[in-house]
Protein backbone atom coordinates (compact mmCIF):
# COMPACT_ATOMS: atom_id res chain seq x y z
CA MET A 1 13.84 -5.18 -14.64
CA SER A 2 10.55 -6.67 -15.80
CA ALA A 3 7.15 -5.22 -14.94
CA GLY A 4 6.53 -8.04 -12.46
CA GLU A 5 9.87 -7.47 -10.73
CA PHE A 6 9.20 -3.73 -10.61
CA LEU A 7 5.82 -4.29 -8.94
CA SER A 8 7.45 -6.66 -6.47
CA VAL A 9 10.03 -3.99 -5.63
CA LEU A 10 7.26 -1.45 -5.07
CA ARG A 11 5.43 -3.86 -2.76
CA ARG A 12 8.56 -4.42 -0.69
CA ASN A 13 9.10 -0.66 -0.45
CA TRP A 14 5.46 0.37 -0.09
CA ILE A 15 6.28 2.67 2.81
CA VAL A 16 8.66 4.70 0.62
CA VAL A 17 6.09 4.85 -2.19
CA LEU A 18 3.34 5.90 0.22
CA GLY A 19 5.67 8.50 1.73
CA GLY A 20 6.37 9.94 -1.73
CA LEU A 21 2.64 10.11 -2.44
CA ILE A 22 1.92 11.90 0.83
CA LEU A 23 4.90 14.23 0.47
CA GLY A 24 3.97 15.20 -3.09
CA THR A 25 0.40 15.92 -2.04
CA ALA A 26 1.53 17.95 0.98
CA VAL A 27 3.98 20.03 -1.07
CA ALA A 28 1.29 20.77 -3.65
CA LEU A 29 -1.16 21.88 -0.96
CA VAL A 30 1.46 24.12 0.65
CA LEU A 31 2.30 25.70 -2.70
CA THR A 32 -1.35 26.48 -3.35
CA GLN A 33 -1.36 28.43 -0.09
CA ILE A 34 1.94 30.21 -0.75
CA VAL A 35 1.49 31.16 -4.41
CA THR A 36 -0.40 34.43 -4.91
CA PRO A 37 -3.71 33.64 -6.63
CA THR A 38 -4.46 35.03 -10.07
CA TYR A 39 -8.02 35.88 -11.16
CA LYS A 40 -9.26 36.07 -14.74
CA ALA A 41 -12.28 37.91 -16.15
CA ARG A 42 -13.63 37.77 -19.71
CA SER A 43 -15.49 40.28 -21.85
CA GLU A 44 -16.65 39.73 -25.45
CA LEU A 45 -17.40 42.04 -28.38
CA LEU A 46 -19.25 41.43 -31.63
CA ALA A 47 -18.15 43.30 -34.76
CA VAL A 48 -21.26 44.58 -36.57
CA SER A 49 -21.25 46.06 -40.10
CA ASN A 50 -23.32 49.18 -40.85
CA LEU A 51 -23.01 48.99 -44.65
CA GLY A 52 -26.74 48.60 -45.35
CA ALA A 53 -30.00 46.80 -44.64
CA THR A 54 -30.50 44.80 -47.84
CA ALA A 55 -29.64 41.11 -47.99
CA THR A 56 -26.68 41.85 -50.22
CA ASP A 57 -25.47 44.56 -47.85
CA VAL A 58 -25.77 42.19 -44.89
CA VAL A 59 -23.76 39.45 -46.61
CA GLN A 60 -21.09 41.89 -47.67
CA GLY A 61 -21.09 43.45 -44.22
CA ASN A 62 -20.57 40.09 -42.47
CA ALA A 63 -17.70 39.26 -44.81
CA TYR A 64 -16.19 42.66 -44.14
CA SER A 65 -16.53 42.23 -40.36
CA GLN A 66 -14.79 38.85 -40.40
CA SER A 67 -12.01 40.23 -42.59
CA GLN A 68 -11.35 42.97 -40.06
CA ILE A 69 -11.67 40.92 -36.86
CA LEU A 70 -8.00 39.84 -36.71
CA SER A 71 -6.84 43.43 -37.07
CA ILE A 72 -9.24 44.51 -34.37
CA SER A 73 -8.01 41.82 -31.95
CA ALA A 74 -4.40 42.87 -32.58
CA LEU A 75 -5.38 46.48 -31.91
CA ALA A 76 -6.63 45.55 -28.41
CA THR A 77 -3.10 45.28 -26.98
CA ARG A 78 -1.77 48.49 -28.54
CA PRO A 79 -1.10 51.66 -26.52
CA VAL A 80 -3.79 53.53 -28.44
CA VAL A 81 -6.33 51.28 -26.71
CA LEU A 82 -4.57 50.62 -23.39
CA ASP A 83 -3.40 54.13 -22.50
CA PRO A 84 -6.99 55.38 -21.95
CA VAL A 85 -7.66 52.29 -19.81
CA ILE A 86 -4.65 53.07 -17.61
CA ASP A 87 -5.79 56.66 -17.20
CA ASP A 88 -9.42 55.80 -16.47
CA LEU A 89 -8.61 53.10 -13.87
CA GLY A 90 -5.56 54.85 -12.43
CA LEU A 91 -3.32 51.84 -13.01
CA ASP A 92 0.33 52.10 -12.03
CA GLU A 93 1.76 50.33 -15.08
CA THR A 94 2.64 50.89 -18.72
CA ALA A 95 0.75 49.80 -21.80
CA ASP A 96 3.33 47.07 -22.48
CA THR A 97 2.98 45.68 -18.96
CA LEU A 98 -0.81 45.76 -19.16
CA ALA A 99 -0.74 44.04 -22.55
CA LYS A 100 1.11 41.07 -21.01
CA SER A 101 -1.79 40.49 -18.63
CA LEU A 102 -4.31 40.35 -21.49
CA THR A 103 -5.26 37.44 -23.71
CA VAL A 104 -7.14 38.55 -26.82
CA SER A 105 -8.56 35.97 -29.21
CA THR A 106 -11.24 35.50 -31.85
CA VAL A 107 -13.85 32.79 -32.24
CA THR A 108 -13.27 30.92 -35.50
CA ASP A 109 -15.60 31.81 -38.39
CA THR A 110 -17.29 34.54 -36.34
CA SER A 111 -16.87 38.25 -35.72
CA ILE A 112 -16.46 37.83 -31.96
CA VAL A 113 -13.47 39.19 -30.04
CA SER A 114 -12.72 37.73 -26.59
CA ILE A 115 -10.73 39.76 -24.05
CA VAL A 116 -9.40 38.00 -20.92
CA SER A 117 -7.72 40.03 -18.19
CA ALA A 118 -5.56 38.48 -15.45
CA SER A 119 -4.98 40.23 -12.13
CA ARG A 120 -4.33 39.48 -8.47
CA SER A 121 -7.60 41.25 -7.67
CA PRO A 122 -10.86 39.76 -8.97
CA ASP A 123 -12.52 43.20 -9.17
CA GLU A 124 -9.57 44.72 -11.01
CA ALA A 125 -9.56 41.84 -13.50
CA ALA A 126 -13.21 42.53 -14.35
CA ASP A 127 -12.71 46.31 -14.52
CA ILE A 128 -9.74 45.98 -16.89
CA ALA A 129 -11.55 43.53 -19.20
CA ASN A 130 -14.57 45.84 -19.47
CA ALA A 131 -12.45 48.98 -19.86
CA VAL A 132 -10.35 47.42 -22.64
CA ALA A 133 -13.54 46.34 -24.44
CA GLN A 134 -14.97 49.86 -24.19
CA SER A 135 -11.72 51.49 -25.32
CA LEU A 136 -11.31 49.06 -28.23
CA SER A 137 -14.85 49.79 -29.38
CA GLY A 138 -14.20 53.53 -29.36
CA VAL A 139 -10.84 53.30 -31.16
CA THR A 140 -12.35 51.01 -33.81
CA GLU A 141 -15.08 53.54 -34.56
CA ASP A 142 -12.57 56.40 -34.66
CA LEU A 143 -10.03 54.66 -36.91
CA GLY A 144 -12.37 52.57 -39.05
CA PRO A 145 -13.85 53.55 -42.45
CA LYS A 146 -16.74 56.00 -42.44
CA LEU A 147 -20.11 55.92 -44.15
CA PRO A 148 -21.29 58.78 -46.40
CA ASP A 149 -23.27 60.20 -43.50
CA GLY A 150 -20.12 60.28 -41.34
CA GLY A 151 -21.00 57.25 -39.25
CA SER A 152 -18.67 54.33 -38.68
CA ALA A 153 -18.86 51.43 -41.14
CA LEU A 154 -18.01 48.96 -38.32
CA THR A 155 -18.98 49.03 -34.67
CA LEU A 156 -18.22 46.71 -31.73
CA ASP A 157 -21.15 45.78 -29.53
CA THR A 158 -20.62 44.27 -26.08
CA ILE A 159 -22.19 40.82 -25.89
CA ARG A 160 -20.60 39.81 -22.58
CA GLU A 161 -19.55 42.03 -19.72
CA ALA A 162 -16.81 40.78 -17.41
CA GLU A 163 -17.82 39.92 -13.86
CA SER A 164 -15.62 39.62 -10.79
CA PRO A 165 -14.53 35.95 -10.53
CA THR A 166 -15.10 34.14 -7.25
CA VAL A 167 -12.52 31.38 -7.81
CA PRO A 168 -8.89 32.04 -8.78
CA ALA A 169 -7.74 30.75 -12.15
CA SER A 170 -4.46 29.74 -10.58
CA PRO A 171 -3.34 27.98 -8.57
CA ASN A 172 -5.93 25.29 -9.30
CA THR A 173 -5.97 23.48 -5.94
CA LYS A 174 -7.49 20.24 -7.22
CA LEU A 175 -5.23 20.05 -10.26
CA TRP A 176 -2.09 20.93 -8.31
CA THR A 177 -2.95 18.35 -5.63
CA VAL A 178 -3.44 15.59 -8.20
CA LEU A 179 -0.26 16.54 -10.06
CA GLY A 180 1.69 16.75 -6.79
CA ALA A 181 0.48 13.31 -5.72
CA MET A 182 1.35 11.83 -9.12
CA LEU A 183 4.77 13.49 -9.15
CA GLY A 184 5.51 12.27 -5.62
CA LEU A 185 4.43 8.75 -6.58
CA VAL A 186 6.58 8.75 -9.71
CA MET A 187 9.63 10.18 -7.92
CA ALA A 188 9.33 7.67 -5.07
CA SER A 189 8.92 4.79 -7.53
CA LEU A 190 11.96 5.90 -9.52
CA ALA A 191 13.99 6.30 -6.33
CA VAL A 192 13.04 2.80 -5.20
CA ALA A 193 13.88 1.35 -8.62
CA ALA A 194 17.22 3.19 -8.69
CA ARG A 195 18.11 2.01 -5.20
CA GLU A 196 17.15 -1.53 -6.13
CA GLY A 197 19.32 -1.35 -9.22
CA LEU A 198 22.30 -0.07 -7.24
CA ASP A 199 21.67 -2.40 -4.30
CA THR A 200 24.12 -5.31 -4.27
CA LYS A 201 22.67 -6.97 -1.18
CA VAL A 202 21.02 -10.36 -1.37
CA ARG A 203 17.38 -9.79 -0.46
CA GLY A 204 15.37 -12.64 -1.94
CA PRO A 205 15.68 -16.43 -2.11
CA GLU A 206 15.86 -16.35 -5.91
CA THR A 207 19.13 -14.39 -5.85
CA ALA A 208 20.66 -16.70 -3.24
CA GLU A 209 19.58 -19.79 -5.16
CA GLU A 210 21.14 -18.42 -8.34
CA ILE A 211 24.48 -17.60 -6.68
CA LEU A 212 24.79 -20.74 -4.56
CA GLU A 213 23.27 -23.10 -7.15
CA ALA A 214 21.65 -24.87 -4.23
CA PRO A 215 18.05 -25.36 -3.06
CA ARG A 216 16.27 -23.21 -0.55
CA ILE A 217 15.70 -25.24 2.62
CA GLY A 218 13.60 -22.61 4.34
CA LEU A 219 13.41 -19.06 5.56
CA THR A 220 12.90 -17.23 8.81
CA ALA A 221 11.44 -13.78 9.34
CA ARG A 222 13.39 -10.85 10.70
CA VAL A 223 13.51 -11.05 14.50
CA ARG A 224 13.29 -7.60 16.05
CA ARG A 225 13.76 -8.75 19.61
CA THR A 226 15.18 -12.06 20.70
CA ASN A 227 14.36 -13.37 24.15
CA LEU A 228 17.28 -15.59 25.10
CA PRO A 229 16.10 -17.62 28.09
CA SER A 230 18.33 -18.74 30.89
CA ARG A 231 18.91 -22.39 31.59
CA ARG A 232 15.56 -23.37 33.06
CA GLU A 233 13.55 -26.56 32.92
CA ASP A 234 10.41 -24.79 31.67
CA VAL A 235 11.86 -23.13 28.57
CA GLY A 236 10.18 -23.80 25.25
CA PRO A 237 11.79 -25.60 22.34
CA LEU A 238 12.77 -22.34 20.62
CA LEU A 239 14.73 -19.36 21.82
CA VAL A 240 12.12 -16.96 20.46
CA SER A 241 9.11 -17.74 22.58
CA GLY A 242 5.62 -16.69 21.62
CA ASN A 243 6.44 -16.52 17.90
CA PRO A 244 4.38 -19.21 16.12
CA MET A 245 5.56 -18.11 12.67
CA LEU A 246 9.21 -18.56 13.62
CA GLN A 247 8.53 -21.91 15.26
CA GLU A 248 6.69 -23.09 12.15
CA SER A 249 9.62 -21.92 10.01
CA PHE A 250 12.07 -24.21 11.81
CA LEU A 251 9.63 -27.11 11.73
CA GLN A 252 9.36 -26.57 7.98
CA ILE A 253 13.17 -26.49 7.70
CA GLN A 254 13.36 -29.77 9.62
CA THR A 255 10.88 -31.34 7.20
CA ASN A 256 12.62 -29.99 4.11
CA LEU A 257 15.98 -31.39 5.21
CA ASN A 258 14.54 -34.84 4.54
CA TYR A 259 14.72 -33.99 0.84
CA VAL A 260 18.40 -33.10 0.97
CA GLU A 261 21.04 -35.78 0.69
CA VAL A 262 23.55 -34.72 3.28
CA GLY A 263 25.80 -37.70 2.58
CA ARG A 264 25.74 -39.37 5.96
CA ALA A 265 23.19 -41.65 7.56
CA HIS A 266 23.40 -39.88 10.92
CA LYS A 267 22.50 -36.55 9.34
CA THR A 268 25.22 -34.10 10.29
CA PHE A 269 24.34 -30.52 9.41
CA ALA A 270 27.12 -27.93 9.25
CA LEU A 271 25.70 -24.38 9.23
CA THR A 272 27.77 -21.41 8.15
CA SER A 273 27.37 -18.03 6.47
CA ALA A 274 29.42 -15.76 4.26
CA ILE A 275 29.97 -13.08 6.91
CA ALA A 276 29.13 -12.51 10.56
CA GLY A 277 25.72 -11.24 11.61
CA GLU A 278 23.56 -13.27 9.21
CA GLY A 279 21.88 -15.37 11.91
CA LYS A 280 24.11 -18.44 11.65
CA SER A 281 24.33 -19.26 15.37
CA PHE A 282 20.68 -18.36 15.91
CA SER A 283 19.67 -20.79 13.15
CA ALA A 284 21.97 -23.54 14.41
CA ILE A 285 20.62 -23.30 17.97
CA ASN A 286 16.98 -23.30 16.92
CA LEU A 287 17.44 -26.09 14.38
CA ALA A 288 19.10 -28.25 17.04
CA LEU A 289 16.32 -27.44 19.51
CA THR A 290 13.70 -28.34 16.91
CA PHE A 291 15.36 -31.72 16.30
CA ALA A 292 15.53 -32.37 20.04
CA ALA A 293 11.91 -31.31 20.57
CA GLY A 294 10.93 -33.87 17.93
CA GLY A 295 12.39 -36.69 20.02
CA LEU A 296 15.71 -37.04 18.17
CA SER A 297 18.93 -37.33 20.15
CA THR A 298 20.72 -34.16 19.09
CA CYS A 299 24.10 -32.59 19.73
CA LEU A 300 24.88 -28.95 18.99
CA VAL A 301 28.60 -28.32 18.49
CA GLU A 302 30.12 -24.85 18.46
CA LEU A 303 32.95 -24.82 15.93
CA ASP A 304 33.58 -21.08 15.91
CA LEU A 305 36.86 -21.03 17.83
CA ARG A 306 37.41 -17.33 17.15
CA ARG A 307 34.18 -15.58 18.17
CA PRO A 308 32.03 -18.14 20.01
CA SER A 309 28.55 -17.16 21.16
CA ILE A 310 26.50 -20.29 21.92
CA GLY A 311 27.84 -20.67 25.44
CA ARG A 312 26.87 -17.09 26.22
CA TYR A 313 23.44 -17.44 24.59
CA LEU A 314 22.57 -20.62 26.46
CA GLY A 315 24.25 -19.74 29.74
CA LEU A 316 26.64 -22.72 29.63
CA ASP A 317 30.10 -23.18 31.11
CA SER A 318 32.63 -22.20 28.44
CA THR A 319 35.84 -23.07 30.27
CA VAL A 320 36.01 -26.48 28.61
CA GLY A 321 34.67 -27.61 25.28
CA LEU A 322 35.69 -28.42 21.72
CA SER A 323 39.21 -27.03 21.96
CA THR A 324 39.80 -29.15 25.07
CA VAL A 325 38.80 -32.30 23.17
CA LEU A 326 40.90 -31.50 20.09
CA ILE A 327 44.11 -31.05 22.12
CA GLY A 328 43.43 -34.30 23.99
CA GLY A 329 42.54 -32.69 27.29
CA ALA A 330 39.16 -34.43 27.67
CA THR A 331 36.72 -36.74 25.93
CA SER A 332 33.69 -35.45 24.05
CA ALA A 333 31.39 -37.04 26.61
CA ALA A 334 33.15 -35.18 29.41
CA VAL A 335 32.59 -31.74 27.86
CA THR A 336 29.04 -32.34 26.62
CA GLN A 337 26.45 -30.30 28.53
CA SER A 338 22.70 -30.83 28.64
CA TRP A 339 20.38 -27.87 28.05
CA GLY A 340 16.63 -27.53 28.48
CA PRO A 341 13.81 -30.04 28.91
CA THR A 342 14.30 -31.58 25.45
CA GLY A 343 17.64 -33.13 26.39
CA LEU A 344 19.64 -31.16 23.83
CA GLN A 345 23.36 -31.87 24.23
CA VAL A 346 25.78 -29.02 23.61
CA ILE A 347 29.54 -28.84 23.14
CA VAL A 348 30.70 -25.23 23.38
CA ALA A 349 33.93 -23.87 21.91
CA GLY A 350 35.88 -23.86 25.16
CA GLU A 351 39.09 -21.88 25.57
CA LEU A 352 40.05 -20.00 22.41
CA PRO A 353 43.15 -21.57 20.82
CA PRO A 354 45.83 -19.65 18.91
CA ASN A 355 45.56 -22.05 15.94
CA PRO A 356 41.86 -22.82 15.28
CA ALA A 357 42.35 -23.75 11.61
CA GLU A 358 45.02 -26.33 12.50
CA LEU A 359 42.82 -27.89 15.17
CA LEU A 360 39.85 -28.19 12.81
CA ALA A 361 42.07 -29.76 10.14
CA SER A 362 43.53 -32.29 12.58
CA PRO A 363 42.65 -36.02 12.64
CA ALA A 364 41.18 -35.44 16.11
CA PHE A 365 38.38 -33.34 14.62
CA ALA A 366 37.50 -35.98 12.01
CA GLU A 367 37.44 -38.61 14.77
CA LEU A 368 35.18 -36.39 16.86
CA LEU A 369 32.66 -36.05 14.03
CA GLY A 370 32.61 -39.80 13.56
CA GLU A 371 32.13 -40.38 17.27
CA LEU A 372 29.27 -37.87 17.52
CA GLY A 373 27.65 -39.46 14.49
CA GLN A 374 27.58 -42.76 16.35
CA ARG A 375 26.21 -41.26 19.58
CA PHE A 376 23.49 -38.97 18.18
CA GLU A 377 20.77 -39.10 15.55
CA ARG A 378 21.34 -35.47 14.61
CA VAL A 379 24.50 -33.38 14.87
CA VAL A 380 24.31 -29.62 14.21
CA LEU A 381 27.61 -27.80 13.70
CA ASP A 382 27.77 -24.03 14.20
CA CYS A 383 30.68 -23.03 11.94
CA PRO A 384 32.50 -19.69 11.59
CA PRO A 385 31.74 -17.53 8.52
CA LEU A 386 33.39 -18.45 5.22
CA VAL A 387 34.71 -15.17 3.87
CA PRO A 388 36.81 -13.89 6.82
CA VAL A 389 38.48 -17.25 7.65
CA THR A 390 39.05 -20.67 6.09
CA ASP A 391 37.79 -22.70 9.06
CA ALA A 392 34.31 -23.35 7.64
CA ALA A 393 35.68 -24.62 4.33
CA ILE A 394 37.79 -27.16 6.24
CA ILE A 395 34.74 -28.22 8.25
CA ALA A 396 32.63 -28.52 5.08
CA LYS A 397 35.06 -31.03 3.64
CA GLU A 398 35.08 -33.13 6.82
CA ALA A 399 31.30 -32.90 7.31
CA GLY A 400 30.56 -33.85 3.71
CA GLY A 401 28.83 -30.59 2.87
CA ILE A 402 27.54 -27.31 4.21
CA LEU A 403 24.22 -25.55 4.81
CA MET A 404 24.46 -21.83 4.08
CA VAL A 405 22.66 -19.26 6.22
CA VAL A 406 21.98 -16.19 4.08
CA GLY A 407 21.01 -12.94 5.80
CA SER A 408 18.54 -11.03 3.62
CA GLY A 409 19.73 -7.44 3.24
CA ARG A 410 22.87 -8.25 5.22
CA VAL A 411 25.25 -10.07 2.87
CA ASP A 412 26.53 -8.68 -0.42
CA ARG A 413 26.19 -10.72 -3.60
CA ARG A 414 29.95 -10.72 -4.09
CA GLU A 415 30.49 -11.93 -0.53
CA LEU A 416 28.02 -14.77 -1.02
CA ALA A 417 29.66 -15.72 -4.32
CA GLN A 418 33.07 -15.72 -2.61
CA ALA A 419 31.73 -17.95 0.16
CA ALA A 420 30.36 -20.40 -2.42
CA ALA A 421 33.70 -20.41 -4.22
CA ASN A 422 35.53 -21.17 -0.96
CA VAL A 423 33.33 -24.22 -0.37
CA ARG A 424 33.70 -25.50 -3.92
CA ALA A 425 37.47 -25.02 -3.71
CA VAL A 426 37.63 -27.90 -1.21
CA GLN A 427 35.20 -29.91 -3.37
CA ALA A 428 32.47 -29.89 -0.74
CA PRO A 429 28.82 -29.59 -1.77
CA ILE A 430 26.49 -26.79 -0.74
CA GLN A 431 23.45 -28.79 0.32
CA GLY A 432 21.08 -25.83 0.53
CA PHE A 433 20.49 -22.52 2.23
CA ILE A 434 18.29 -20.93 4.86
CA LEU A 435 17.25 -17.34 4.20
CA THR A 436 17.11 -15.33 7.43
CA ARG A 437 15.86 -11.80 8.14
CA ALA A 438 13.24 -12.29 5.42
CA THR A 439 10.59 -9.61 4.99
CA GLY A 440 7.59 -8.87 2.77
CA ASP A 441 5.82 -11.44 0.61
CA ALA A 442 8.39 -14.15 1.38
CA VAL A 443 7.17 -14.54 4.97
CA THR A 444 3.44 -14.08 4.36
CA PRO A 445 2.43 -17.01 2.14
CA GLY A 446 -1.20 -17.62 1.35
CA PRO A 447 -2.99 -20.76 2.56
CA TYR A 448 -2.46 -22.53 -0.77
CA SER A 449 0.84 -20.97 -1.84
CA ARG A 450 3.92 -23.00 -2.72
CA PRO A 451 5.71 -24.17 0.45
CA VAL A 452 9.18 -22.84 1.11
CA GLY A 453 10.54 -26.33 0.74
CA GLY A 454 9.50 -26.54 -2.90
CA SER A 455 13.01 -25.66 -4.02
CA ALA A 456 14.60 -28.44 -1.97
CA GLN A 457 12.02 -30.95 -3.16
CA ARG A 458 12.61 -30.02 -6.80
CA HIS A 459 16.36 -30.49 -6.37
CA ALA A 460 15.78 -33.85 -4.68
CA ARG A 461 13.52 -35.07 -7.49
CA ARG A 462 16.03 -33.83 -10.07
CA LYS A 463 18.81 -35.82 -8.36
CA ALA A 464 16.64 -38.92 -8.21
CA THR A 465 15.81 -38.63 -11.92
CA VAL A 466 19.45 -38.17 -12.88
CA GLY A 467 20.48 -41.08 -10.66
CA SER A 468 17.91 -43.48 -12.12
CA GLY A 469 18.87 -42.46 -15.64
CA THR A 470 22.54 -43.12 -14.92
CA ALA A 471 21.81 -46.52 -13.39
CA ALA A 472 19.80 -47.51 -16.41
């Protein structure tokens, strides 16, 4: 996955990423309240030589002090120093335990010893740091070399007394919050990337175009609530009323179909999908309504003789229809029903036959398509899905091609590939695809972005170039 693809994935899943950021921050804040705070106090000692007052004595004394400073710092965590501290402060712990709460260090190239005490109590931390400094000073004088007059050759002077801290050393609320937010962001991003890598669903037009090897005709946004109107004279041209974006999508699809060679002058469009639930019937109905609203004589034919839905959606009589015509029980004109103010003509499935594949493969079906092509300027066929049954592949061969409806996030890549293979097996072309249920950047183009029909137009120009080259 490239950096650009990764950023695109994060944009599509911005809610998950934001949730990870908020969760990480919240967990960090909770932990700062739960974890017992630790306070640290620091005291500092300076090793001073008492070897003499001359310049030579001072130089030798400083060298001696620095040579002894590491030994002195190591002495600070020994029982000989810490036992008196425990007794003086009345601490309920051993010298070894107390030593673990101390950090003793030296300042490079100096004779300074730094003692840092950590405790849950700020006052206790300061008391321990000062007590250890005092005890270390006394032990150093007692154990160190003596001068001829009996005085100590090396003394430790306090240059910094520990004070009770007002802010805990840990947890560091600001640091923990930043780290928690960063960790939540990273974990959410990795989770999104992992899910994307394991996800086999078709989600973008690029994937569908690669699998189908066909141009993108258009896309429609995910419809959360569909208002299916009853048969009234005042209904609008689209089933989803009050949705300008969706209306514009189907107008764009209508325009882009001009760039697709569907193989017949009367423009018959057979719509199918790989599986059920991808928006096939919804797209067929709205495409037919868009044609009719544009002043074209249009007939919508329901070819799904197993699970029909158009009659129910449009509130039409489903007792007679396509199956009646194919068995010779009526003419196509007799079963055609008018719907809405645009004059859209509809042939529903009719009674469900026991042998739908045989009926669709019969000469009667081919004759019906030819007849409808003579009567109407546009014919839209709502076909059954390709993977569960073979009906759509039969229709594709008779119709001279197929338009795939691809449900974003609904169909699996393998299912779409199988559907494409079923169409190619009968040597029928896939003329293009409509991506439904689209979300994210795909449905929010900028005012000067590439139109969704660019793919279809590129394929059309490519065909024209190849054709002219062949003719030459």
